[in-house]
Amino acid sequence: MSNYKTVFFTLGILLIILGIAMIVPMGFQLIYNEFDSTFIISSIITITFGILFFLSNIDHLKSINTHQAFLLTALSWLSIAVFGSLPFFFSNLNLSITDSFFESMSGITTTGATILNNIENSPKGILIWRAMLQWLGGIGVILMAITLMPIMNIGGMQLLKISSYDTSEKILPKSKQISLRLILVYLFLTLSCAIFYKIFGMNFFDSITHSMTTIATGGFSNYDQSIGYFNNAYIEIISVLFILLGSIPFILYIKFISDDKKIIFKDEQVKLFFKLSLVSILILFLYLIIFNKDLSQVHIRSVVFNVVSILTGTGYVTKEFDQWGNFPLIFFLILMFIGGCAGSTTCGIKIFRVHILYYFIRNQLLKIIYPRAIINLKYNSNKVEDKLIASIISFIYLYILIFFVLASLLTLTGLDFITSISGAASSLSNVGPGLGNEIGPNSNYSGIPNQSKWLLSFGMILGRLEIFAILIIFLPSFWRK
């Protein structure tokens, strides 16, 4: 058990921080005359467990190995989801344990799927807590992607190593400095987004909550109609802009600030991300023109917004895109899978994996044509090793396999085909809205069975933690000394 003292010591610190963070919603409760014991009880319980973990493991070792890093990653997100659900459970919304956990897991994984009905009339403390969970989840996944995942060699995330010449021993001390800079950049973008939202029409509370869920590409809104509630072109433009800023690998911001002013425009992943966004918008716009046969009914504004929102896994909506026809449904499903850039707040398979897989297939075809040729695969001018390619291929294979297994299990709980397929894709890709009448863009997940909610919650954490970080702890060999 001594091997895990560092893990539980760190969990204790995280829970204490989470409990202290619950003071913020208390302030909003006081401002809006809604004060009750919801966050007091939740905070006391969370901090108490945090102190117990902290004190009982205070004699921990200072270092952490790869084995412990996997366990810490999985338990951190799970424990935050569990204790983050307490305010929902103790609120006056009368939510069950299942619904409370689902909402919390959806928040911390930045999925954006909700079980709340009549959201605009929910307590302000709960609304700010939902936004805070997504904001914390967004910065959490950035820090994890850049510090822990490269060391754990998860699904090709080695490409995000701070320096290609650093060993694992050197990365951890340097990552502390990088982490502080990342948090400052994240705070700056959040504050900037809130200011612009306020300037262009949102009230103070909405600008704060929506800025947090925009930068986190999470998608929780204070209204059942999501961003469509405002019906404001300027707000939608600001939303798209900051979603895109949240979708760029945050390590590039650090390099940009340091010395390389062209790094964002040179990165292959970023260039493909913007090309894919533009091409997707054009394809869908042309389809809608042909489908509707009336240009006046086709709004490029709604096409741009929904394409960017779905591709990045944000999940904000302005129009019922499931009413646009059959092709957009399949098209959005594909975009859900692809996702955004690694090292950002976005989800999905990630652009860089799709890009490297394309290069790999192309090179295999070239080798058939030119059997004696020596063809190296390079990405951002760096040679991609065979073990990294194998890691990426296995990740994509597992991703697709788990999608089909999850969709099949959802059908066993009584969901129809479209709901099961889109729900599995949405949870695994951490998007939020699904397709169909039950979980479509202007519906929510409140009406689906409890078994479905637990399955979708598992899909959310699998997708958020890049699959391997969760699945590996289920292997018996992981627990053997």
Protein backbone atom coordinates (compact mmCIF):
# COMPACT_ATOMS: atom_id res chain seq x y z
CA MET A 1 0.00 0.00 0.00
CA SER A 2 2.98 2.30 0.59
CA ASN A 3 3.44 2.45 -3.18
CA TYR A 4 0.16 4.35 -3.45
CA LYS A 5 0.67 6.88 -0.64
CA THR A 6 1.75 9.56 -3.12
CA VAL A 7 -1.42 8.95 -5.15
CA PHE A 8 -3.79 9.35 -2.21
CA PHE A 9 -1.78 12.26 -0.77
CA THR A 10 -2.25 14.09 -4.09
CA LEU A 11 -5.95 13.14 -4.16
CA GLY A 12 -6.29 14.68 -0.71
CA ILE A 13 -4.86 17.97 -1.96
CA LEU A 14 -7.18 17.95 -4.99
CA LEU A 15 -10.26 17.34 -2.80
CA ILE A 16 -9.28 20.13 -0.40
CA ILE A 17 -8.94 22.51 -3.38
CA LEU A 18 -12.29 21.31 -4.76
CA GLY A 19 -13.95 21.86 -1.38
CA ILE A 20 -12.52 25.38 -1.12
CA ALA A 21 -13.70 26.11 -4.69
CA MET A 22 -17.27 25.48 -3.49
CA ILE A 23 -17.04 28.79 -1.60
CA VAL A 24 -17.38 30.64 -4.94
CA PRO A 25 -20.98 29.45 -5.60
CA MET A 26 -21.81 30.44 -2.01
CA GLY A 27 -20.91 34.01 -2.92
CA PHE A 28 -23.29 33.95 -5.88
CA GLN A 29 -25.99 32.49 -3.63
CA LEU A 30 -25.61 35.52 -1.36
CA ILE A 31 -25.62 37.97 -4.28
CA TYR A 32 -28.86 36.54 -5.71
CA ASN A 33 -30.55 35.90 -2.32
CA GLU A 34 -30.60 32.14 -2.81
CA PHE A 35 -28.36 31.12 0.09
CA ASP A 36 -28.92 27.65 1.55
CA SER A 37 -26.83 24.79 2.96
CA THR A 38 -26.15 23.11 -0.41
CA PHE A 39 -22.53 24.16 -0.82
CA ILE A 40 -21.74 24.34 2.90
CA ILE A 41 -22.53 20.64 3.39
CA SER A 42 -20.82 19.68 0.12
CA SER A 43 -17.71 21.68 1.00
CA ILE A 44 -17.42 20.22 4.51
CA ILE A 45 -17.75 16.63 3.24
CA THR A 46 -15.24 17.19 0.42
CA ILE A 47 -12.63 18.95 2.57
CA THR A 48 -13.02 16.35 5.35
CA PHE A 49 -12.23 13.48 2.96
CA GLY A 50 -9.40 15.54 1.49
CA ILE A 51 -7.82 16.12 4.92
CA LEU A 52 -8.15 12.41 5.78
CA PHE A 53 -6.36 11.41 2.56
CA PHE A 54 -3.75 14.12 3.13
CA LEU A 55 -2.91 13.29 6.75
CA SER A 56 -2.99 9.51 6.42
CA ASN A 57 -0.46 9.64 3.56
CA ILE A 58 1.71 12.55 4.66
CA ASP A 59 4.78 10.27 4.85
CA HIS A 60 4.57 9.62 1.09
CA LEU A 61 7.52 9.47 -1.28
CA LYS A 62 8.18 12.70 -3.18
CA SER A 63 8.47 10.99 -6.58
CA ILE A 64 5.84 9.35 -8.77
CA ASN A 65 6.41 6.58 -11.27
CA THR A 66 4.50 5.74 -14.46
CA HIS A 67 2.42 3.09 -12.69
CA GLN A 68 1.26 5.60 -10.08
CA ALA A 69 0.69 8.25 -12.73
CA PHE A 70 -1.92 6.04 -14.43
CA LEU A 71 -3.72 5.39 -11.14
CA LEU A 72 -3.57 9.04 -10.09
CA THR A 73 -4.98 10.20 -13.42
CA ALA A 74 -7.97 7.84 -13.25
CA LEU A 75 -8.74 8.39 -9.55
CA SER A 76 -8.37 12.17 -9.78
CA TRP A 77 -11.07 12.59 -12.40
CA LEU A 78 -13.33 9.99 -10.80
CA SER A 79 -13.06 11.49 -7.31
CA ILE A 80 -13.70 15.04 -8.60
CA ALA A 81 -16.78 13.73 -10.46
CA VAL A 82 -18.04 11.99 -7.28
CA PHE A 83 -17.51 14.90 -4.87
CA GLY A 84 -18.44 17.43 -7.55
CA SER A 85 -21.87 15.78 -7.70
CA LEU A 86 -22.65 16.60 -4.04
CA PRO A 87 -23.98 20.15 -4.70
CA PHE A 88 -26.37 18.75 -7.32
CA PHE A 89 -27.59 16.07 -4.92
CA PHE A 90 -28.07 18.43 -1.95
CA SER A 91 -29.71 21.19 -4.04
CA ASN A 92 -33.45 21.84 -4.21
CA LEU A 93 -33.56 20.34 -7.72
CA ASN A 94 -34.40 16.91 -6.24
CA LEU A 95 -31.84 15.08 -8.36
CA SER A 96 -31.09 11.41 -7.81
CA ILE A 97 -27.58 10.07 -7.19
CA THR A 98 -27.47 8.93 -10.83
CA ASP A 99 -28.51 12.31 -12.23
CA SER A 100 -26.16 14.20 -9.90
CA PHE A 101 -23.18 12.05 -10.87
CA PHE A 102 -24.07 12.27 -14.57
CA GLU A 103 -24.21 16.08 -14.46
CA SER A 104 -20.94 16.26 -12.53
CA MET A 105 -19.14 13.81 -14.83
CA SER A 106 -20.45 15.68 -17.87
CA GLY A 107 -19.06 18.87 -16.36
CA ILE A 108 -15.58 17.77 -15.34
CA THR A 109 -15.05 15.91 -18.65
CA THR A 110 -16.27 19.03 -20.52
CA THR A 111 -18.91 16.93 -22.29
CA GLY A 112 -21.85 19.30 -21.81
CA ALA A 113 -24.63 16.71 -21.75
CA THR A 114 -27.20 17.73 -19.15
CA ILE A 115 -30.16 16.22 -17.33
CA LEU A 116 -31.49 19.59 -16.12
CA ASN A 117 -34.87 20.77 -17.35
CA ASN A 118 -35.81 24.46 -17.41
CA ILE A 119 -32.16 25.39 -16.85
CA GLU A 120 -32.75 29.16 -16.76
CA ASN A 121 -34.76 28.79 -13.55
CA SER A 122 -32.12 26.69 -11.78
CA PRO A 123 -30.35 28.22 -8.75
CA LYS A 124 -27.48 30.55 -9.65
CA GLY A 125 -25.14 28.62 -7.36
CA ILE A 126 -25.75 25.42 -9.33
CA LEU A 127 -25.30 27.19 -12.67
CA ILE A 128 -21.96 28.68 -11.66
CA TRP A 129 -20.86 25.31 -10.24
CA ARG A 130 -21.62 23.59 -13.54
CA ALA A 131 -19.51 26.18 -15.35
CA MET A 132 -16.68 25.87 -12.80
CA LEU A 133 -16.57 22.09 -13.23
CA GLN A 134 -16.13 22.49 -16.98
CA TRP A 135 -13.53 25.23 -16.51
CA LEU A 136 -11.55 23.03 -14.11
CA GLY A 137 -11.91 20.08 -16.47
CA GLY A 138 -10.58 22.17 -19.35
CA ILE A 139 -7.39 23.32 -17.61
CA GLY A 140 -7.04 19.86 -16.06
CA VAL A 141 -6.91 18.06 -19.38
CA ILE A 142 -4.41 20.58 -20.78
CA LEU A 143 -2.03 20.07 -17.86
CA MET A 144 -2.50 16.30 -18.02
CA ALA A 145 -1.90 16.16 -21.78
CA ILE A 146 1.33 18.13 -21.56
CA THR A 147 2.82 16.73 -18.33
CA LEU A 148 1.54 13.22 -17.52
CA MET A 149 0.34 11.71 -20.79
CA PRO A 150 3.61 12.08 -22.73
CA ILE A 151 5.45 10.30 -19.90
CA MET A 152 2.84 7.53 -19.84
CA ASN A 153 3.15 7.14 -23.65
CA ILE A 154 -0.62 7.28 -24.08
CA GLY A 155 -1.91 6.96 -27.62
CA GLY A 156 0.81 8.97 -29.32
CA MET A 157 0.71 11.88 -26.85
CA GLN A 158 4.54 11.65 -26.73
CA LEU A 159 4.41 14.30 -29.48
CA LEU A 160 3.48 16.83 -26.79
CA LYS A 161 6.69 16.42 -24.81
CA ILE A 162 7.98 19.80 -23.75
CA SER A 163 11.31 19.05 -25.41
CA SER A 164 12.12 16.11 -27.64
CA TYR A 165 15.50 15.86 -25.93
CA ASP A 166 14.17 15.74 -22.37
CA THR A 167 13.96 12.51 -20.41
CA SER A 168 11.04 11.76 -18.11
CA GLU A 169 13.15 12.81 -15.11
CA LYS A 170 13.80 16.25 -16.63
CA ILE A 171 10.24 16.84 -17.84
CA LEU A 172 8.56 16.85 -14.42
CA PRO A 173 10.51 19.78 -12.90
CA LYS A 174 10.21 21.79 -16.11
CA SER A 175 6.50 20.97 -16.36
CA LYS A 176 5.85 22.87 -13.10
CA GLN A 177 7.05 26.08 -14.73
CA ILE A 178 5.11 25.33 -17.90
CA SER A 179 1.95 24.53 -15.89
CA LEU A 180 1.98 27.94 -14.20
CA ARG A 181 2.27 29.69 -17.57
CA LEU A 182 -0.53 27.56 -19.01
CA ILE A 183 -2.84 28.48 -16.13
CA LEU A 184 -2.09 32.19 -16.65
CA VAL A 185 -2.84 31.91 -20.39
CA TYR A 186 -6.06 30.02 -19.57
CA LEU A 187 -7.11 32.70 -17.08
CA PHE A 188 -6.33 35.49 -19.54
CA LEU A 189 -8.42 33.89 -22.31
CA THR A 190 -11.32 33.26 -19.91
CA LEU A 191 -11.31 36.83 -18.66
CA SER A 192 -11.05 38.23 -22.20
CA CYS A 193 -13.96 36.08 -23.34
CA ALA A 194 -16.11 37.24 -20.40
CA ILE A 195 -15.37 40.90 -21.17
CA PHE A 196 -16.35 40.53 -24.84
CA TYR A 197 -19.51 38.60 -23.95
CA LYS A 198 -20.49 41.43 -21.57
CA ILE A 199 -19.74 44.12 -24.17
CA PHE A 200 -21.89 42.45 -26.81
CA GLY A 201 -25.03 41.82 -24.80
CA MET A 202 -24.72 39.20 -22.05
CA ASN A 203 -25.41 40.16 -18.44
CA PHE A 204 -22.65 39.83 -15.84
CA PHE A 205 -23.62 36.35 -14.65
CA ASP A 206 -24.07 34.89 -18.14
CA SER A 207 -20.79 36.38 -19.36
CA ILE A 208 -18.87 34.77 -16.47
CA THR A 209 -20.43 31.31 -16.79
CA HIS A 210 -20.37 31.17 -20.58
CA SER A 211 -16.76 32.37 -20.77
CA MET A 212 -15.71 29.44 -18.57
CA THR A 213 -17.58 26.86 -20.63
CA THR A 214 -16.47 28.44 -23.93
CA ILE A 215 -12.72 28.33 -23.24
CA ALA A 216 -13.13 24.82 -21.81
CA THR A 217 -15.03 23.87 -25.01
CA GLY A 218 -17.55 22.35 -22.62
CA GLY A 219 -20.87 23.76 -23.78
CA PHE A 220 -22.86 24.09 -20.56
CA SER A 221 -25.22 27.03 -20.94
CA ASN A 222 -27.65 28.73 -18.55
CA TYR A 223 -30.51 28.27 -21.02
CA ASP A 224 -32.34 25.34 -22.59
CA GLN A 225 -31.78 26.95 -26.00
CA SER A 226 -28.04 27.22 -25.36
CA ILE A 227 -26.33 30.13 -27.18
CA GLY A 228 -29.36 30.27 -29.49
CA TYR A 229 -31.24 31.90 -26.59
CA PHE A 230 -29.45 35.20 -27.18
CA ASN A 231 -30.07 35.26 -30.95
CA ASN A 232 -27.14 37.65 -31.19
CA ALA A 233 -24.70 37.48 -34.11
CA TYR A 234 -21.94 39.26 -32.16
CA ILE A 235 -22.18 36.83 -29.26
CA GLU A 236 -21.98 33.91 -31.68
CA ILE A 237 -18.90 35.41 -33.38
CA ILE A 238 -17.18 35.89 -30.01
CA SER A 239 -18.14 32.36 -29.04
CA VAL A 240 -16.67 30.86 -32.24
CA LEU A 241 -13.50 32.94 -31.86
CA PHE A 242 -12.79 31.82 -28.29
CA ILE A 243 -13.80 28.22 -28.99
CA LEU A 244 -11.14 28.23 -31.72
CA LEU A 245 -8.62 29.80 -29.31
CA GLY A 246 -9.40 27.06 -26.80
CA SER A 247 -8.93 24.44 -29.52
CA ILE A 248 -5.29 25.31 -30.27
CA PRO A 249 -2.59 23.35 -28.39
CA PHE A 250 -1.85 25.54 -25.37
CA ILE A 251 1.84 24.71 -25.43
CA LEU A 252 1.99 26.76 -28.66
CA TYR A 253 0.85 29.83 -26.70
CA ILE A 254 3.83 29.37 -24.39
CA LYS A 255 6.21 29.06 -27.34
CA PHE A 256 4.54 32.07 -28.99
CA ILE A 257 5.02 34.21 -25.89
CA SER A 258 8.60 32.97 -25.43
CA ASP A 259 10.22 33.52 -28.81
CA ASP A 260 8.58 31.80 -31.78
CA LYS A 261 5.94 34.21 -33.11
CA LYS A 262 5.16 32.00 -36.12
CA ILE A 263 4.76 28.70 -34.28
CA ILE A 264 0.93 28.72 -34.37
CA PHE A 265 0.94 29.20 -38.15
CA LYS A 266 3.66 26.56 -38.73
CA ASP A 267 2.17 23.73 -36.69
CA GLU A 268 0.76 21.00 -38.96
CA GLN A 269 -1.98 20.06 -36.52
CA VAL A 270 -3.28 23.63 -36.27
CA LYS A 271 -3.15 24.16 -40.03
CA LEU A 272 -5.14 20.98 -40.67
CA PHE A 273 -7.62 21.90 -37.94
CA PHE A 274 -8.46 25.23 -39.60
CA LYS A 275 -8.53 23.67 -43.09
CA LEU A 276 -10.91 20.98 -41.86
CA SER A 277 -13.13 23.61 -40.22
CA LEU A 278 -13.35 25.69 -43.40
CA VAL A 279 -13.93 22.69 -45.68
CA SER A 280 -16.62 21.31 -43.34
CA ILE A 281 -18.42 24.68 -43.30
CA LEU A 282 -18.29 24.87 -47.10
CA ILE A 283 -19.55 21.30 -47.59
CA LEU A 284 -22.48 21.75 -45.22
CA PHE A 285 -23.35 25.20 -46.61
CA LEU A 286 -23.45 23.90 -50.18
CA TYR A 287 -25.52 20.90 -49.11
CA LEU A 288 -28.08 23.12 -47.39
CA ILE A 289 -28.33 25.38 -50.46
CA ILE A 290 -29.03 22.36 -52.67
CA PHE A 291 -31.30 20.73 -50.10
CA ASN A 292 -33.40 23.82 -49.39
CA LYS A 293 -33.24 25.24 -52.92
CA ASP A 294 -33.67 28.65 -51.31
CA LEU A 295 -30.62 30.68 -50.31
CA SER A 296 -32.71 32.89 -48.01
CA GLN A 297 -33.34 29.89 -45.73
CA VAL A 298 -29.65 29.03 -45.41
CA HIS A 299 -27.78 31.00 -42.74
CA ILE A 300 -24.00 30.77 -43.00
CA ARG A 301 -23.86 32.07 -39.42
CA SER A 302 -25.62 28.99 -38.02
CA VAL A 303 -23.57 26.65 -40.23
CA VAL A 304 -20.27 28.14 -39.04
CA PHE A 305 -21.31 28.11 -35.40
CA ASN A 306 -22.60 24.54 -35.30
CA VAL A 307 -19.71 23.08 -37.33
CA VAL A 308 -17.11 24.67 -35.03
CA SER A 309 -19.10 23.71 -31.93
CA ILE A 310 -19.44 20.04 -32.92
CA LEU A 311 -15.92 19.60 -34.32
CA THR A 312 -14.34 20.97 -31.15
CA GLY A 313 -16.69 19.03 -28.89
CA THR A 314 -18.08 22.22 -27.36
CA GLY A 315 -21.72 21.31 -27.89
CA TYR A 316 -23.26 24.79 -27.95
CA VAL A 317 -26.16 24.97 -30.42
CA THR A 318 -28.07 27.76 -32.14
CA LYS A 319 -30.28 25.76 -34.51
CA GLU A 320 -31.86 22.32 -34.50
CA PHE A 321 -29.28 20.85 -36.86
CA ASP A 322 -30.95 17.44 -36.64
CA GLN A 323 -33.71 18.98 -38.79
CA TRP A 324 -31.31 19.81 -41.63
CA GLY A 325 -31.61 16.39 -43.26
CA ASN A 326 -29.87 13.01 -43.12
CA PHE A 327 -26.49 14.02 -44.54
CA PRO A 328 -25.70 16.60 -41.80
CA LEU A 329 -26.40 13.93 -39.17
CA ILE A 330 -23.74 11.60 -40.59
CA PHE A 331 -21.42 14.53 -41.24
CA PHE A 332 -21.65 15.80 -37.66
CA LEU A 333 -21.12 12.24 -36.40
CA ILE A 334 -17.82 12.11 -38.31
CA LEU A 335 -16.79 15.52 -36.96
CA MET A 336 -17.54 14.31 -33.42
CA PHE A 337 -15.05 11.48 -33.87
CA ILE A 338 -12.28 13.66 -35.33
CA GLY A 339 -12.33 16.34 -32.63
CA GLY A 340 -9.81 19.13 -32.19
CA CYS A 341 -6.11 19.54 -31.44
CA ALA A 342 -4.18 17.57 -28.83
CA GLY A 343 -3.01 19.64 -25.88
CA SER A 344 -6.11 21.83 -26.06
CA THR A 345 -9.44 21.61 -24.24
CA THR A 346 -11.06 19.77 -27.16
CA CYS A 347 -11.92 16.09 -27.33
CA GLY A 348 -12.30 13.27 -29.89
CA ILE A 349 -9.65 11.19 -31.62
CA LYS A 350 -7.67 14.40 -32.23
CA ILE A 351 -6.45 15.95 -35.47
CA PHE A 352 -2.83 14.84 -35.13
CA ARG A 353 -3.77 11.14 -34.90
CA VAL A 354 -5.95 11.35 -38.01
CA HIS A 355 -3.19 13.25 -39.80
CA ILE A 356 -0.46 10.73 -38.92
CA LEU A 357 -2.72 7.82 -39.85
CA TYR A 358 -3.24 9.45 -43.26
CA TYR A 359 0.54 9.84 -43.74
CA PHE A 360 1.07 6.23 -42.67
CA ILE A 361 -1.47 4.85 -45.17
CA ARG A 362 -0.05 7.05 -47.92
CA ASN A 363 3.47 5.81 -47.21
CA GLN A 364 2.32 2.19 -47.23
CA LEU A 365 0.83 2.71 -50.70
CA LEU A 366 4.04 4.38 -51.89
CA LYS A 367 6.07 1.44 -50.63
CA ILE A 368 3.95 -0.89 -52.75
CA ILE A 369 4.66 1.25 -55.82
CA TYR A 370 8.33 1.80 -54.93
CA PRO A 371 9.37 -1.30 -52.91
CA ARG A 372 13.04 -0.25 -52.69
CA ALA A 373 12.34 3.28 -51.55
CA ILE A 374 13.14 4.39 -48.00
CA ILE A 375 10.21 6.52 -46.89
CA ASN A 376 10.25 8.12 -43.45
CA LEU A 377 7.15 9.51 -41.81
CA LYS A 378 7.67 13.02 -40.46
CA TYR A 379 5.32 15.29 -38.53
CA ASN A 380 6.21 18.91 -37.79
CA SER A 381 9.66 18.13 -39.24
CA ASN A 382 10.24 15.38 -36.65
CA LYS A 383 10.56 11.73 -37.53
CA VAL A 384 7.67 9.64 -36.22
CA GLU A 385 8.91 6.37 -34.69
CA ASP A 386 7.24 3.05 -35.46
CA LYS A 387 6.19 2.53 -31.81
CA LEU A 388 4.42 5.89 -31.84
CA ILE A 389 2.56 4.95 -35.04
CA ALA A 390 1.59 1.63 -33.44
CA SER A 391 0.31 3.52 -30.40
CA ILE A 392 -1.82 5.81 -32.57
CA ILE A 393 -3.26 2.96 -34.64
CA SER A 394 -4.13 0.96 -31.51
CA PHE A 395 -5.78 4.05 -30.00
CA ILE A 396 -7.97 4.66 -33.04
CA TYR A 397 -8.85 0.94 -33.23
CA LEU A 398 -9.84 0.90 -29.54
CA TYR A 399 -11.79 4.13 -29.93
CA ILE A 400 -13.94 2.73 -32.75
CA LEU A 401 -14.33 -0.65 -31.01
CA ILE A 402 -15.47 0.95 -27.74
CA PHE A 403 -17.89 3.16 -29.67
CA PHE A 404 -19.64 0.13 -31.17
CA VAL A 405 -19.65 -1.76 -27.84
CA LEU A 406 -21.05 1.27 -26.00
CA ALA A 407 -23.71 1.86 -28.68
CA SER A 408 -24.72 -1.82 -28.48
CA LEU A 409 -25.01 -1.70 -24.70
CA LEU A 410 -27.13 1.44 -24.92
CA THR A 411 -29.60 -0.32 -27.21
CA LEU A 412 -29.92 -3.04 -24.53
CA THR A 413 -31.09 -0.37 -22.07
CA GLY A 414 -34.01 0.45 -24.37
CA LEU A 415 -32.70 3.38 -26.40
CA ASP A 416 -33.49 3.55 -30.12
CA PHE A 417 -30.78 3.17 -32.78
CA ILE A 418 -30.16 6.89 -33.49
CA THR A 419 -30.09 7.78 -29.79
CA SER A 420 -27.71 4.90 -29.02
CA ILE A 421 -25.31 5.66 -31.88
CA SER A 422 -25.21 9.42 -31.31
CA GLY A 423 -25.16 9.06 -27.51
CA ALA A 424 -22.15 6.74 -27.69
CA ALA A 425 -20.34 9.09 -30.08
CA SER A 426 -21.25 12.17 -28.06
CA SER A 427 -20.10 10.74 -24.71
CA LEU A 428 -16.88 9.18 -26.03
CA SER A 429 -16.03 12.36 -27.96
CA ASN A 430 -17.23 14.57 -25.06
CA VAL A 431 -19.49 16.64 -27.30
CA GLY A 432 -22.76 16.89 -25.37
CA PRO A 433 -25.83 17.00 -27.63
CA GLY A 434 -26.71 13.89 -29.58
CA LEU A 435 -29.15 13.29 -32.39
CA GLY A 436 -32.83 12.40 -32.48
CA ASN A 437 -35.81 13.50 -30.43
CA GLU A 438 -34.57 12.21 -27.08
CA ILE A 439 -31.06 13.70 -26.78
CA GLY A 440 -31.02 16.06 -29.79
CA PRO A 441 -29.62 19.61 -29.81
CA ASN A 442 -32.66 21.12 -28.10
CA SER A 443 -33.35 18.18 -25.79
CA ASN A 444 -31.45 16.72 -22.82
CA TYR A 445 -30.58 13.40 -21.21
CA SER A 446 -33.13 13.50 -18.37
CA GLY A 447 -35.55 11.05 -20.01
CA ILE A 448 -33.15 8.17 -20.70
CA PRO A 449 -32.89 5.17 -18.31
CA ASN A 450 -30.46 5.27 -15.37
CA GLN A 451 -28.47 2.38 -16.83
CA SER A 452 -27.91 4.46 -19.95
CA LYS A 453 -26.66 7.40 -17.86
CA TRP A 454 -24.07 5.22 -16.09
CA LEU A 455 -22.88 3.79 -19.40
CA LEU A 456 -22.60 7.27 -20.91
CA SER A 457 -20.75 8.52 -17.81
CA PHE A 458 -18.22 5.73 -18.28
CA GLY A 459 -17.91 6.69 -21.94
CA MET A 460 -17.25 10.32 -20.94
CA ILE A 461 -14.31 9.52 -18.67
CA LEU A 462 -12.93 7.02 -21.20
CA GLY A 463 -12.92 9.66 -23.92
CA ARG A 464 -11.60 12.45 -21.72
CA LEU A 465 -8.67 10.39 -20.40
CA GLU A 466 -7.64 9.05 -23.82
CA ILE A 467 -8.97 5.51 -23.15
CA PHE A 468 -5.64 3.90 -22.15
CA ALA A 469 -5.43 5.72 -18.80
CA ILE A 470 -8.71 4.05 -17.72
CA LEU A 471 -8.54 0.65 -19.41
CA ILE A 472 -5.05 -0.14 -18.14
CA ILE A 473 -6.17 -0.19 -14.49
CA PHE A 474 -8.58 -3.03 -15.32
CA LEU A 475 -5.70 -5.29 -16.38
CA PRO A 476 -4.68 -7.80 -13.66
CA SER A 477 -1.03 -7.29 -14.60
CA PHE A 478 -1.34 -3.62 -13.63
CA TRP A 479 -1.84 -4.60 -9.97
CA ARG A 480 0.94 -7.19 -9.81
CA LYS A 481 4.21 -6.11 -8.24
